[in-house]
Amino acid sequence: MLKLKKSFFRANGGIYGELAHHPVQAILDDDIAGMIGRFIEGVEVSNDTIALDLINKVGPIPGTFIHEQHTRKWWNSEQFMPKAADSLTYPEWMEKGKKSAIDYAKKRMEEILANHVPVPLTDQQEGEIKRILVKAEKYFKDKDLA
């Protein structure tokens, strides 16, 4: 196994900070990455997405689009819903115990740990990992960091 000298970590981003990690943080980070990814994808602008005919049909206030088929069709692809959050209104959130994103992330972590069955790597994937590790070990030894 590749062992890195302590000086490597001091010189490359803090004192052992790279070794600090918590699964709850990973779940929160996954939601943030999902939000960023959705933002980067952009928004499709077309006659279908704008739906002027629907806007004319529903009309001004107090019109609502939530029960329209068009809304249901586009909701899943256009909206990112984080898994460590809720969609409650503020009064509902207060009534139901004011759970934070950390509370939801902890619950999700427990569900993952209880139910997740990892898919084994293929022989090809295992070989590629070994190849990368051999290359990394050589690199760090050549730099006198291992």
N, C-alpha and C. Protein backbone atom coordinates (compact mmCIF):
# COMPACT_ATOMS: atom_id res chain seq x y z
N MET A 1 0.84 -1.19 0.00
CA MET A 1 0.00 0.00 0.00
C MET A 1 0.88 1.24 0.00
N LEU A 2 0.47 2.24 -0.73
CA LEU A 2 1.19 3.50 -0.85
C LEU A 2 1.05 4.29 0.44
N LYS A 3 2.19 4.68 1.03
CA LYS A 3 2.18 5.52 2.22
C LYS A 3 2.87 6.82 1.88
N LEU A 4 2.21 7.92 2.21
CA LEU A 4 2.77 9.23 1.91
C LEU A 4 3.40 9.82 3.16
N LYS A 5 4.50 10.53 2.97
CA LYS A 5 5.15 11.20 4.09
C LYS A 5 4.26 12.31 4.60
N LYS A 6 4.33 12.58 5.90
CA LYS A 6 3.52 13.64 6.50
C LYS A 6 3.82 14.99 5.86
N SER A 7 5.06 15.20 5.41
CA SER A 7 5.42 16.47 4.80
C SER A 7 4.61 16.72 3.53
N PHE A 8 4.17 15.65 2.85
CA PHE A 8 3.35 15.81 1.65
C PHE A 8 2.07 16.56 1.98
N PHE A 9 1.44 16.21 3.08
CA PHE A 9 0.17 16.83 3.43
C PHE A 9 0.35 18.27 3.90
N ARG A 10 1.42 18.55 4.61
CA ARG A 10 1.66 19.92 5.06
C ARG A 10 1.91 20.83 3.87
N ALA A 11 2.56 20.30 2.85
CA ALA A 11 2.92 21.12 1.70
C ALA A 11 1.80 21.22 0.67
N ASN A 12 0.81 20.39 0.77
CA ASN A 12 -0.21 20.33 -0.27
C ASN A 12 -1.63 20.51 0.27
N GLY A 13 -1.89 21.57 1.00
CA GLY A 13 -3.27 21.86 1.34
C GLY A 13 -3.65 21.70 2.78
N GLY A 14 -2.80 21.99 3.70
CA GLY A 14 -3.19 21.96 5.09
C GLY A 14 -2.57 20.80 5.83
N ILE A 15 -2.77 20.81 7.10
CA ILE A 15 -2.21 19.77 7.95
C ILE A 15 -3.22 18.64 8.06
N TYR A 16 -3.02 17.63 7.24
CA TYR A 16 -3.83 16.41 7.25
C TYR A 16 -5.30 16.66 6.97
N GLY A 17 -5.65 17.83 6.45
CA GLY A 17 -7.04 18.14 6.15
C GLY A 17 -7.65 17.20 5.13
N GLU A 18 -6.80 16.66 4.27
CA GLU A 18 -7.28 15.75 3.24
C GLU A 18 -7.79 14.44 3.84
N LEU A 19 -7.42 14.17 5.07
CA LEU A 19 -7.81 12.92 5.69
C LEU A 19 -9.11 13.05 6.50
N ALA A 20 -9.63 14.27 6.65
CA ALA A 20 -10.85 14.50 7.41
C ALA A 20 -12.05 14.36 6.48
N HIS A 21 -13.02 13.55 6.90
CA HIS A 21 -14.20 13.34 6.07
C HIS A 21 -15.30 12.74 6.94
N HIS A 22 -16.52 13.06 6.61
CA HIS A 22 -17.66 12.47 7.31
C HIS A 22 -18.73 12.14 6.28
N PRO A 23 -19.38 10.99 6.40
CA PRO A 23 -20.40 10.62 5.41
C PRO A 23 -21.57 11.60 5.33
N VAL A 24 -21.91 12.25 6.42
CA VAL A 24 -22.99 13.25 6.37
C VAL A 24 -22.57 14.41 5.48
N GLN A 25 -21.31 14.82 5.58
CA GLN A 25 -20.81 15.89 4.72
C GLN A 25 -20.85 15.46 3.26
N ALA A 26 -20.54 14.20 2.99
CA ALA A 26 -20.58 13.70 1.61
C ALA A 26 -21.99 13.78 1.04
N ILE A 27 -22.99 13.51 1.85
CA ILE A 27 -24.38 13.58 1.40
C ILE A 27 -24.77 15.04 1.11
N LEU A 28 -24.37 15.95 1.98
CA LEU A 28 -24.63 17.37 1.73
C LEU A 28 -23.89 17.84 0.48
N ASP A 29 -22.63 17.39 0.33
CA ASP A 29 -21.86 17.76 -0.86
C ASP A 29 -22.49 17.21 -2.13
N ASP A 30 -23.08 16.02 -2.05
CA ASP A 30 -23.74 15.42 -3.21
C ASP A 30 -24.91 16.31 -3.66
N ASP A 31 -25.66 16.83 -2.71
CA ASP A 31 -26.77 17.74 -3.05
C ASP A 31 -26.24 19.01 -3.70
N ILE A 32 -25.16 19.56 -3.16
CA ILE A 32 -24.59 20.78 -3.72
C ILE A 32 -24.10 20.52 -5.14
N ALA A 33 -23.42 19.39 -5.34
CA ALA A 33 -22.94 19.04 -6.68
C ALA A 33 -24.12 18.86 -7.64
N GLY A 34 -25.21 18.28 -7.16
CA GLY A 34 -26.40 18.12 -7.99
C GLY A 34 -26.99 19.46 -8.41
N MET A 35 -27.04 20.40 -7.47
CA MET A 35 -27.56 21.74 -7.77
C MET A 35 -26.67 22.44 -8.80
N ILE A 36 -25.36 22.34 -8.60
CA ILE A 36 -24.42 22.97 -9.53
C ILE A 36 -24.55 22.32 -10.91
N GLY A 37 -24.63 21.00 -10.93
CA GLY A 37 -24.76 20.30 -12.21
C GLY A 37 -26.02 20.71 -12.94
N ARG A 38 -27.12 20.83 -12.21
CA ARG A 38 -28.38 21.25 -12.84
C ARG A 38 -28.26 22.66 -13.39
N PHE A 39 -27.60 23.55 -12.65
CA PHE A 39 -27.40 24.93 -13.10
C PHE A 39 -26.56 24.97 -14.37
N ILE A 40 -25.50 24.17 -14.41
CA ILE A 40 -24.61 24.15 -15.57
C ILE A 40 -25.33 23.62 -16.81
N GLU A 41 -26.26 22.69 -16.64
CA GLU A 41 -27.00 22.17 -17.79
C GLU A 41 -27.77 23.26 -18.51
N GLY A 42 -28.18 24.28 -17.80
CA GLY A 42 -28.92 25.37 -18.41
C GLY A 42 -30.40 25.04 -18.52
N VAL A 43 -31.13 25.96 -19.12
CA VAL A 43 -32.58 25.84 -19.25
C VAL A 43 -32.93 25.75 -20.74
N GLU A 44 -33.75 24.80 -21.09
CA GLU A 44 -34.20 24.70 -22.47
C GLU A 44 -35.25 25.77 -22.73
N VAL A 45 -35.03 26.55 -23.76
CA VAL A 45 -36.00 27.57 -24.15
C VAL A 45 -36.53 27.19 -25.53
N SER A 46 -37.81 26.82 -25.55
CA SER A 46 -38.46 26.44 -26.80
C SER A 46 -39.94 26.76 -26.66
N ASN A 47 -40.67 26.61 -27.75
CA ASN A 47 -42.12 26.85 -27.69
C ASN A 47 -42.77 25.91 -26.68
N ASP A 48 -42.25 24.67 -26.60
CA ASP A 48 -42.81 23.69 -25.67
C ASP A 48 -42.55 24.08 -24.22
N THR A 49 -41.34 24.54 -23.92
CA THR A 49 -41.04 24.88 -22.52
C THR A 49 -41.69 26.19 -22.10
N ILE A 50 -41.77 27.13 -23.00
CA ILE A 50 -42.39 28.42 -22.65
C ILE A 50 -43.90 28.26 -22.50
N ALA A 51 -44.53 27.49 -23.35
CA ALA A 51 -45.95 27.15 -23.25
C ALA A 51 -46.86 28.37 -23.17
N LEU A 52 -46.74 29.25 -24.16
CA LEU A 52 -47.59 30.44 -24.18
C LEU A 52 -49.08 30.08 -24.21
N ASP A 53 -49.41 29.00 -24.91
CA ASP A 53 -50.82 28.60 -24.95
C ASP A 53 -51.32 28.26 -23.54
N LEU A 54 -50.49 27.65 -22.74
CA LEU A 54 -50.87 27.32 -21.36
C LEU A 54 -50.98 28.58 -20.50
N ILE A 55 -50.06 29.49 -20.69
CA ILE A 55 -50.12 30.76 -19.96
C ILE A 55 -51.43 31.48 -20.28
N ASN A 56 -51.81 31.50 -21.56
CA ASN A 56 -53.07 32.15 -21.96
C ASN A 56 -54.27 31.40 -21.39
N LYS A 57 -54.19 30.07 -21.32
CA LYS A 57 -55.30 29.27 -20.79
C LYS A 57 -55.48 29.49 -19.29
N VAL A 58 -54.39 29.45 -18.55
CA VAL A 58 -54.47 29.57 -17.08
C VAL A 58 -54.81 30.99 -16.67
N GLY A 59 -54.23 31.95 -17.38
CA GLY A 59 -54.55 33.34 -17.09
C GLY A 59 -53.78 33.92 -15.92
N PRO A 60 -54.09 35.17 -15.61
CA PRO A 60 -53.36 35.87 -14.54
C PRO A 60 -53.78 35.39 -13.15
N ILE A 61 -53.25 36.05 -12.17
CA ILE A 61 -53.53 35.71 -10.77
C ILE A 61 -55.04 35.60 -10.59
N PRO A 62 -55.57 34.59 -9.96
CA PRO A 62 -54.90 33.58 -9.14
C PRO A 62 -54.62 32.28 -9.90
N GLY A 63 -54.36 32.32 -11.19
CA GLY A 63 -54.07 31.11 -11.95
C GLY A 63 -52.89 30.34 -11.36
N THR A 64 -52.96 29.02 -11.51
CA THR A 64 -51.87 28.17 -11.02
C THR A 64 -51.54 27.11 -12.06
N PHE A 65 -50.29 26.79 -12.17
CA PHE A 65 -49.82 25.81 -13.15
C PHE A 65 -49.53 24.45 -12.52
N ILE A 66 -49.62 24.36 -11.21
CA ILE A 66 -49.16 23.16 -10.50
C ILE A 66 -49.93 21.91 -10.90
N HIS A 67 -51.18 22.04 -11.25
CA HIS A 67 -51.98 20.85 -11.59
C HIS A 67 -52.00 20.56 -13.10
N GLU A 68 -51.27 21.34 -13.87
CA GLU A 68 -51.25 21.17 -15.32
C GLU A 68 -50.30 20.05 -15.74
N GLN A 69 -50.68 19.30 -16.76
CA GLN A 69 -49.85 18.20 -17.26
C GLN A 69 -48.48 18.72 -17.72
N HIS A 70 -48.45 19.88 -18.35
CA HIS A 70 -47.19 20.47 -18.81
C HIS A 70 -46.21 20.64 -17.64
N THR A 71 -46.71 21.12 -16.52
CA THR A 71 -45.86 21.30 -15.33
C THR A 71 -45.32 19.97 -14.87
N ARG A 72 -46.16 18.96 -14.78
CA ARG A 72 -45.71 17.63 -14.35
C ARG A 72 -44.69 17.05 -15.31
N LYS A 73 -44.89 17.32 -16.62
CA LYS A 73 -43.97 16.80 -17.63
C LYS A 73 -42.57 17.38 -17.46
N TRP A 74 -42.48 18.68 -17.23
CA TRP A 74 -41.18 19.35 -17.19
C TRP A 74 -40.57 19.43 -15.79
N TRP A 75 -41.34 19.19 -14.76
CA TRP A 75 -40.86 19.37 -13.38
C TRP A 75 -39.62 18.52 -13.09
N ASN A 76 -39.67 17.23 -13.37
CA ASN A 76 -38.56 16.35 -13.01
C ASN A 76 -37.27 16.68 -13.74
N SER A 77 -37.37 17.12 -14.98
CA SER A 77 -36.13 17.40 -15.72
C SER A 77 -35.62 18.82 -15.48
N GLU A 78 -36.46 19.73 -15.10
CA GLU A 78 -36.05 21.12 -14.95
C GLU A 78 -35.77 21.52 -13.51
N GLN A 79 -36.20 20.74 -12.56
CA GLN A 79 -36.06 21.09 -11.15
C GLN A 79 -35.16 20.09 -10.45
N PHE A 80 -34.16 20.54 -9.71
CA PHE A 80 -33.34 19.64 -8.90
C PHE A 80 -33.87 19.69 -7.48
N MET A 81 -34.17 18.53 -6.93
CA MET A 81 -34.65 18.44 -5.56
C MET A 81 -33.57 17.80 -4.69
N PRO A 82 -32.95 18.55 -3.80
CA PRO A 82 -31.93 17.97 -2.93
C PRO A 82 -32.53 16.92 -2.01
N LYS A 83 -31.72 15.94 -1.66
CA LYS A 83 -32.20 14.85 -0.81
C LYS A 83 -32.03 15.18 0.67
N ALA A 84 -31.22 16.18 0.98
CA ALA A 84 -31.00 16.56 2.38
C ALA A 84 -31.75 17.85 2.71
N ALA A 85 -32.95 17.97 2.18
CA ALA A 85 -33.79 19.14 2.44
C ALA A 85 -35.24 18.71 2.34
N ASP A 86 -36.13 19.61 2.71
CA ASP A 86 -37.54 19.30 2.55
C ASP A 86 -38.21 20.40 1.75
N SER A 87 -39.44 20.17 1.41
CA SER A 87 -40.18 21.17 0.64
C SER A 87 -41.37 21.70 1.44
N LEU A 88 -41.23 21.66 2.74
CA LEU A 88 -42.31 22.14 3.61
C LEU A 88 -42.38 23.66 3.60
N THR A 89 -43.57 24.16 3.85
CA THR A 89 -43.70 25.60 4.07
C THR A 89 -43.13 25.90 5.46
N TYR A 90 -42.85 27.16 5.73
CA TYR A 90 -42.29 27.52 7.03
C TYR A 90 -43.18 27.08 8.19
N PRO A 91 -44.51 27.31 8.15
CA PRO A 91 -45.34 26.84 9.27
C PRO A 91 -45.30 25.31 9.43
N GLU A 92 -45.29 24.57 8.31
CA GLU A 92 -45.20 23.11 8.39
C GLU A 92 -43.86 22.68 8.99
N TRP A 93 -42.79 23.35 8.58
CA TRP A 93 -41.46 23.05 9.09
C TRP A 93 -41.40 23.28 10.61
N MET A 94 -41.97 24.38 11.08
CA MET A 94 -42.01 24.67 12.52
C MET A 94 -42.80 23.60 13.25
N GLU A 95 -43.95 23.23 12.69
CA GLU A 95 -44.84 22.25 13.32
C GLU A 95 -44.22 20.85 13.39
N LYS A 96 -43.42 20.51 12.38
CA LYS A 96 -42.86 19.16 12.30
C LYS A 96 -41.48 19.03 12.92
N GLY A 97 -41.06 20.00 13.73
CA GLY A 97 -39.83 19.84 14.49
C GLY A 97 -38.61 20.54 13.98
N LYS A 98 -38.72 21.39 12.95
CA LYS A 98 -37.62 22.22 12.46
C LYS A 98 -36.37 21.40 12.12
N LYS A 99 -36.54 20.35 11.34
CA LYS A 99 -35.39 19.54 10.97
C LYS A 99 -34.47 20.31 10.03
N SER A 100 -33.17 20.16 10.25
CA SER A 100 -32.17 20.84 9.42
C SER A 100 -31.71 19.91 8.30
N ALA A 101 -30.93 20.48 7.39
CA ALA A 101 -30.35 19.67 6.32
C ALA A 101 -29.46 18.58 6.91
N ILE A 102 -28.79 18.88 8.01
CA ILE A 102 -27.94 17.87 8.66
C ILE A 102 -28.79 16.72 9.19
N ASP A 103 -29.97 17.03 9.76
CA ASP A 103 -30.87 15.96 10.22
C ASP A 103 -31.28 15.05 9.06
N TYR A 104 -31.64 15.66 7.93
CA TYR A 104 -32.04 14.86 6.77
C TYR A 104 -30.85 14.06 6.22
N ALA A 105 -29.66 14.66 6.22
CA ALA A 105 -28.48 13.96 5.73
C ALA A 105 -28.13 12.78 6.63
N LYS A 106 -28.26 12.95 7.94
CA LYS A 106 -28.00 11.84 8.87
C LYS A 106 -28.97 10.69 8.61
N LYS A 107 -30.25 11.02 8.41
CA LYS A 107 -31.25 9.98 8.13
C LYS A 107 -30.92 9.26 6.83
N ARG A 108 -30.54 10.02 5.81
CA ARG A 108 -30.18 9.42 4.52
C ARG A 108 -28.94 8.53 4.66
N MET A 109 -27.96 8.97 5.46
CA MET A 109 -26.76 8.17 5.69
C MET A 109 -27.14 6.83 6.34
N GLU A 110 -28.02 6.88 7.33
CA GLU A 110 -28.45 5.65 8.01
C GLU A 110 -29.16 4.72 7.03
N GLU A 111 -30.00 5.28 6.15
CA GLU A 111 -30.68 4.46 5.14
C GLU A 111 -29.69 3.82 4.18
N ILE A 112 -28.71 4.60 3.75
CA ILE A 112 -27.70 4.08 2.82
C ILE A 112 -26.90 2.96 3.49
N LEU A 113 -26.45 3.20 4.72
CA LEU A 113 -25.66 2.18 5.42
C LEU A 113 -26.46 0.91 5.67
N ALA A 114 -27.76 1.04 5.88
CA ALA A 114 -28.59 -0.13 6.15
C ALA A 114 -28.96 -0.91 4.89
N ASN A 115 -29.07 -0.23 3.75
CA ASN A 115 -29.64 -0.87 2.58
C ASN A 115 -28.74 -0.99 1.35
N HIS A 116 -27.66 -0.25 1.30
CA HIS A 116 -26.85 -0.22 0.08
C HIS A 116 -26.08 -1.52 -0.12
N VAL A 117 -26.16 -2.04 -1.33
CA VAL A 117 -25.38 -3.22 -1.71
C VAL A 117 -24.48 -2.78 -2.87
N PRO A 118 -23.17 -2.63 -2.61
CA PRO A 118 -22.29 -2.16 -3.68
C PRO A 118 -22.16 -3.16 -4.81
N VAL A 119 -22.01 -2.64 -6.01
CA VAL A 119 -21.80 -3.48 -7.19
C VAL A 119 -20.30 -3.78 -7.25
N PRO A 120 -19.92 -5.05 -7.30
CA PRO A 120 -18.48 -5.37 -7.36
C PRO A 120 -17.84 -4.82 -8.63
N LEU A 121 -16.57 -4.47 -8.52
CA LEU A 121 -15.82 -4.01 -9.69
C LEU A 121 -15.52 -5.18 -10.61
N THR A 122 -15.45 -4.89 -11.88
CA THR A 122 -15.07 -5.92 -12.85
C THR A 122 -13.56 -6.14 -12.76
N ASP A 123 -13.09 -7.23 -13.34
CA ASP A 123 -11.65 -7.48 -13.37
C ASP A 123 -10.92 -6.36 -14.10
N GLN A 124 -11.52 -5.84 -15.15
CA GLN A 124 -10.92 -4.74 -15.90
C GLN A 124 -10.79 -3.49 -15.03
N GLN A 125 -11.81 -3.18 -14.25
CA GLN A 125 -11.77 -2.02 -13.36
C GLN A 125 -10.71 -2.21 -12.28
N GLU A 126 -10.65 -3.41 -11.72
CA GLU A 126 -9.63 -3.72 -10.70
C GLU A 126 -8.24 -3.53 -11.28
N GLY A 127 -8.02 -4.01 -12.51
CA GLY A 127 -6.73 -3.88 -13.16
C GLY A 127 -6.37 -2.42 -13.39
N GLU A 128 -7.33 -1.61 -13.78
CA GLU A 128 -7.09 -0.19 -14.03
C GLU A 128 -6.71 0.52 -12.72
N ILE A 129 -7.37 0.17 -11.65
CA ILE A 129 -7.04 0.77 -10.34
C ILE A 129 -5.61 0.40 -9.95
N LYS A 130 -5.25 -0.85 -10.11
CA LYS A 130 -3.89 -1.28 -9.78
C LYS A 130 -2.86 -0.53 -10.64
N ARG A 131 -3.16 -0.37 -11.92
CA ARG A 131 -2.25 0.36 -12.81
C ARG A 131 -2.07 1.80 -12.33
N ILE A 132 -3.14 2.45 -11.95
CA ILE A 132 -3.08 3.84 -11.46
C ILE A 132 -2.27 3.91 -10.17
N LEU A 133 -2.48 2.96 -9.27
CA LEU A 133 -1.75 2.96 -8.00
C LEU A 133 -0.26 2.74 -8.20
N VAL A 134 0.10 1.86 -9.10
CA VAL A 134 1.52 1.63 -9.40
C VAL A 134 2.14 2.92 -9.95
N LYS A 135 1.45 3.58 -10.86
CA LYS A 135 1.93 4.83 -11.44
C LYS A 135 2.07 5.91 -10.35
N ALA A 136 1.07 6.00 -9.45
CA ALA A 136 1.10 6.99 -8.37
C ALA A 136 2.26 6.70 -7.42
N GLU A 137 2.45 5.45 -7.08
CA GLU A 137 3.53 5.09 -6.17
C GLU A 137 4.89 5.49 -6.76
N LYS A 138 5.08 5.23 -8.04
CA LYS A 138 6.33 5.60 -8.71
C LYS A 138 6.50 7.12 -8.69
N TYR A 139 5.44 7.85 -8.98
CA TYR A 139 5.50 9.31 -8.99
C TYR A 139 5.93 9.85 -7.63
N PHE A 140 5.28 9.39 -6.55
CA PHE A 140 5.59 9.90 -5.23
C PHE A 140 6.97 9.47 -4.76
N LYS A 141 7.41 8.29 -5.13
CA LYS A 141 8.78 7.85 -4.78
C LYS A 141 9.80 8.70 -5.53
N ASP A 142 9.55 8.96 -6.82
CA ASP A 142 10.47 9.79 -7.61
C ASP A 142 10.58 11.21 -7.04
N LYS A 143 9.51 11.71 -6.45
CA LYS A 143 9.51 13.06 -5.86
C LYS A 143 9.95 13.04 -4.40
N ASP A 144 10.32 11.86 -3.91
CA ASP A 144 10.72 11.65 -2.51
C ASP A 144 9.62 12.07 -1.53
N LEU A 145 8.39 11.76 -1.90
CA LEU A 145 7.26 12.05 -1.04
C LEU A 145 6.67 10.79 -0.42
N ALA A 146 7.21 9.64 -0.78
CA ALA A 146 6.70 8.39 -0.22
C ALA A 146 7.85 7.57 0.34
